[in-house]
Amino acid sequence: MKTLDKIGMIIFANLILILSVIICLLIFGWLDPESVYFVIKLALNDTVTTNIFLGISVVLILLAIKCIFFTSTDKKINGIKDGILLKNDDGQLVISKSTLEELVNNVVKGFDSAQDVQSKIILDEEKNLKVYVTLNVKENAIIKELSTNVQNKIKSAIKKTSDLEVKEVNISIKELQSEENQVIE
């Protein structure tokens, strides 16, 4: 969300909250309707207060129109948010992050010692591709050797399939699973 959208949401949420509380107080009889009418009548009789209310109302109307009809989306197809944009003389190609994450998952699943793989791809402003992998390993795995092999295989697979350079592959071992805890399929 953009800043203006967030401000609009905060303002409208607060207005709805205040109106809801006032209505509940009126319904339960804890607030006298005559006192509410008196406060509104008193505020509208003063020209300065009336002008302030009018200005606030115009701003809220414009903000409401902007939030309803001109919403912004965070999904960018410029390589930062949703995917990676590759251009050449023949056109352009957008590779989504989910495609690269699925590629990483398939590469890691190729290792017998790795299980329950989750991956995340991050592309920073300098167009550096970072891969974060979380996985469980079997108890007989040599973790250092496995992680080095996984890192190299991920880098080469992404380079081969998308011609993108991976700056770093960060691996997090979530759990060491014993042979007896594994479900036989």
Protein backbone atom coordinates (compact mmCIF):
# COMPACT_ATOMS: atom_id res chain seq x y z
CA MET A 1 0.00 0.00 0.00
CA LYS A 2 1.13 3.47 -0.68
CA THR A 3 1.31 6.11 2.02
CA LEU A 4 -1.84 7.94 0.93
CA ASP A 5 -3.80 4.68 0.92
CA LYS A 6 -2.58 3.89 4.44
CA ILE A 7 -3.52 7.35 5.68
CA GLY A 8 -6.96 7.00 4.10
CA MET A 9 -7.48 3.61 5.72
CA ILE A 10 -6.41 4.91 9.14
CA ILE A 11 -8.68 7.96 8.93
CA PHE A 12 -11.70 5.99 7.78
CA ALA A 13 -11.12 3.25 10.34
CA ASN A 14 -11.00 5.84 13.11
CA LEU A 15 -14.11 7.62 11.82
CA ILE A 16 -16.04 4.35 11.67
CA LEU A 17 -14.85 3.47 15.17
CA ILE A 18 -15.97 6.84 16.58
CA LEU A 19 -19.34 6.69 14.82
CA SER A 20 -19.88 3.12 15.99
CA VAL A 21 -19.11 4.02 19.61
CA ILE A 22 -21.46 7.04 19.48
CA ILE A 23 -24.25 4.94 17.95
CA CYS A 24 -23.77 2.22 20.59
CA LEU A 25 -23.84 4.83 23.36
CA LEU A 26 -27.06 6.27 21.92
CA ILE A 27 -28.69 2.83 21.58
CA PHE A 28 -27.80 1.79 25.13
CA GLY A 29 -29.07 5.09 26.46
CA TRP A 30 -25.74 6.12 27.93
CA LEU A 31 -25.64 9.23 25.73
CA ASP A 32 -28.54 11.63 25.41
CA PRO A 33 -29.56 12.33 21.77
CA GLU A 34 -30.41 15.90 22.73
CA SER A 35 -26.85 16.55 23.90
CA VAL A 36 -25.45 15.22 20.60
CA TYR A 37 -27.89 17.45 18.70
CA PHE A 38 -26.91 20.43 20.88
CA VAL A 39 -23.16 19.93 20.24
CA ILE A 40 -23.70 19.64 16.47
CA LYS A 41 -26.04 22.67 16.41
CA LEU A 42 -23.56 24.72 18.46
CA ALA A 43 -20.66 23.77 16.16
CA LEU A 44 -22.61 24.62 12.99
CA ASN A 45 -23.71 28.04 14.27
CA ASP A 46 -20.11 29.28 14.41
CA THR A 47 -18.76 30.27 10.96
CA VAL A 48 -15.15 29.35 11.74
CA THR A 49 -16.16 25.87 12.92
CA THR A 50 -18.45 25.48 9.91
CA ASN A 51 -15.60 26.35 7.54
CA ILE A 52 -13.29 23.89 9.30
CA PHE A 53 -15.91 21.12 9.04
CA LEU A 54 -16.45 22.00 5.36
CA GLY A 55 -12.70 21.82 4.64
CA ILE A 56 -12.34 18.51 6.46
CA SER A 57 -15.39 17.14 4.63
CA VAL A 58 -13.99 18.10 1.22
CA VAL A 59 -10.63 16.49 2.03
CA LEU A 60 -12.37 13.32 3.27
CA ILE A 61 -14.56 13.18 0.15
CA LEU A 62 -11.51 13.48 -2.10
CA LEU A 63 -9.63 10.91 -0.05
CA ALA A 64 -12.61 8.54 -0.21
CA ILE A 65 -12.86 8.91 -3.99
CA LYS A 66 -9.12 8.28 -4.31
CA CYS A 67 -9.22 5.19 -2.08
CA ILE A 68 -12.31 3.72 -3.75
CA PHE A 69 -11.54 4.32 -7.40
CA PHE A 70 -7.77 4.75 -7.61
CA THR A 71 -6.30 2.02 -5.46
CA SER A 72 -2.66 1.22 -5.89
CA THR A 73 -1.24 -2.26 -6.11
CA ASP A 74 2.08 -3.38 -4.70
CA LYS A 75 2.73 -5.97 -7.38
CA LYS A 76 5.34 -4.53 -9.67
CA ILE A 77 6.53 -6.23 -12.80
CA ASN A 78 9.77 -4.30 -12.85
CA GLY A 79 11.88 -6.90 -11.15
CA ILE A 80 11.55 -5.69 -7.57
CA LYS A 81 8.28 -7.08 -6.19
CA ASP A 82 6.61 -9.78 -8.27
CA GLY A 83 9.24 -10.97 -10.66
CA ILE A 84 12.44 -10.40 -12.53
CA LEU A 85 12.36 -8.57 -15.83
CA LEU A 86 14.77 -9.71 -18.51
CA LYS A 87 15.03 -7.70 -21.73
CA ASN A 88 16.70 -8.37 -25.04
CA ASP A 89 16.36 -7.18 -28.64
CA ASP A 90 13.39 -9.49 -29.28
CA GLY A 91 11.32 -8.41 -26.29
CA GLN A 92 11.12 -9.00 -22.59
CA LEU A 93 10.56 -11.86 -20.19
CA VAL A 94 9.20 -11.70 -16.63
CA ILE A 95 10.14 -14.61 -14.39
CA SER A 96 8.02 -14.64 -11.26
CA LYS A 97 9.51 -15.20 -7.85
CA SER A 98 7.22 -18.16 -7.34
CA THR A 99 8.72 -19.83 -10.43
CA LEU A 100 12.23 -19.42 -9.07
CA GLU A 101 11.13 -20.59 -5.62
CA GLU A 102 9.60 -23.72 -7.16
CA LEU A 103 12.83 -24.31 -9.09
CA VAL A 104 14.82 -24.04 -5.85
CA ASN A 105 12.42 -26.42 -4.07
CA ASN A 106 12.75 -28.99 -6.87
CA VAL A 107 16.55 -28.74 -6.80
CA VAL A 108 16.70 -29.27 -3.03
CA LYS A 109 14.20 -32.15 -3.16
CA GLY A 110 16.70 -33.93 -5.39
CA PHE A 111 18.94 -34.45 -2.37
CA ASP A 112 18.05 -37.55 -0.35
CA SER A 113 19.06 -35.98 2.97
CA ALA A 114 16.86 -32.87 2.54
CA GLN A 115 13.17 -32.82 3.42
CA ASP A 116 10.33 -30.32 3.91
CA VAL A 117 11.86 -27.57 1.80
CA GLN A 118 10.70 -23.95 1.86
CA SER A 119 12.37 -21.26 -0.17
CA LYS A 120 12.17 -17.52 -0.62
CA ILE A 121 13.68 -15.37 -3.35
CA ILE A 122 14.62 -11.75 -2.69
CA LEU A 123 15.79 -9.30 -5.31
CA ASP A 124 17.21 -6.12 -3.86
CA GLU A 125 17.51 -2.69 -5.45
CA GLU A 126 20.93 -3.51 -6.92
CA LYS A 127 19.33 -6.50 -8.73
CA ASN A 128 21.15 -8.98 -6.50
CA LEU A 129 19.33 -12.30 -6.28
CA LYS A 130 19.34 -13.85 -2.81
CA VAL A 131 17.89 -17.27 -2.05
CA TYR A 132 16.77 -18.31 1.40
CA VAL A 133 16.14 -22.03 1.95
CA THR A 134 14.70 -23.61 5.08
CA LEU A 135 14.71 -27.39 5.30
CA ASN A 136 14.80 -30.42 7.54
CA VAL A 137 17.60 -32.95 7.18
CA LYS A 138 17.90 -36.62 7.99
CA GLU A 139 20.02 -37.50 11.00
CA ASN A 140 22.63 -39.30 8.91
CA ALA A 141 23.27 -36.21 6.74
CA ILE A 142 26.59 -34.45 6.71
CA ILE A 143 25.18 -30.94 7.04
CA LYS A 144 28.26 -28.99 5.89
CA GLU A 145 28.66 -31.10 2.76
CA LEU A 146 24.92 -31.07 2.06
CA SER A 147 24.67 -27.29 2.39
CA THR A 148 27.66 -26.70 0.08
CA ASN A 149 26.21 -29.06 -2.52
CA VAL A 150 22.74 -27.49 -2.24
CA GLN A 151 24.16 -23.98 -2.60
CA ASN A 152 26.19 -24.89 -5.69
CA LYS A 153 23.33 -26.83 -7.28
CA ILE A 154 20.85 -23.94 -6.70
CA LYS A 155 23.25 -21.39 -8.20
CA SER A 156 23.93 -23.52 -11.26
CA ALA A 157 20.25 -24.40 -11.79
CA ILE A 158 19.14 -20.76 -11.65
CA LYS A 159 22.02 -19.73 -13.94
CA LYS A 160 21.16 -22.51 -16.41
CA THR A 161 17.40 -21.93 -16.52
CA SER A 162 17.18 -18.14 -16.26
CA ASP A 163 20.70 -16.82 -16.91
CA LEU A 164 20.55 -14.98 -13.56
CA GLU A 165 23.46 -14.74 -11.15
CA VAL A 166 22.72 -15.66 -7.54
CA LYS A 167 24.60 -13.49 -5.06
CA GLU A 168 24.02 -15.76 -2.08
CA VAL A 169 22.17 -18.88 -1.01
CA ASN A 170 21.35 -18.89 2.70
CA ILE A 171 20.36 -22.21 4.18
CA SER A 172 18.62 -22.68 7.49
CA ILE A 173 18.32 -26.15 8.99
CA LYS A 174 15.03 -26.20 10.85
CA GLU A 175 15.11 -29.70 12.26
CA LEU A 176 17.14 -32.88 12.29
CA GLN A 177 14.80 -35.79 11.60
CA SER A 178 15.60 -39.28 12.79
CA GLU A 179 14.90 -42.28 10.59
CA GLU A 180 12.22 -43.58 12.95
CA ASN A 181 10.21 -40.29 12.86
CA GLN A 182 9.80 -40.38 9.10
CA VAL A 183 6.53 -41.52 7.63
CA ILE A 184 6.76 -44.41 5.17
CA GLU A 185 4.83 -43.61 2.02
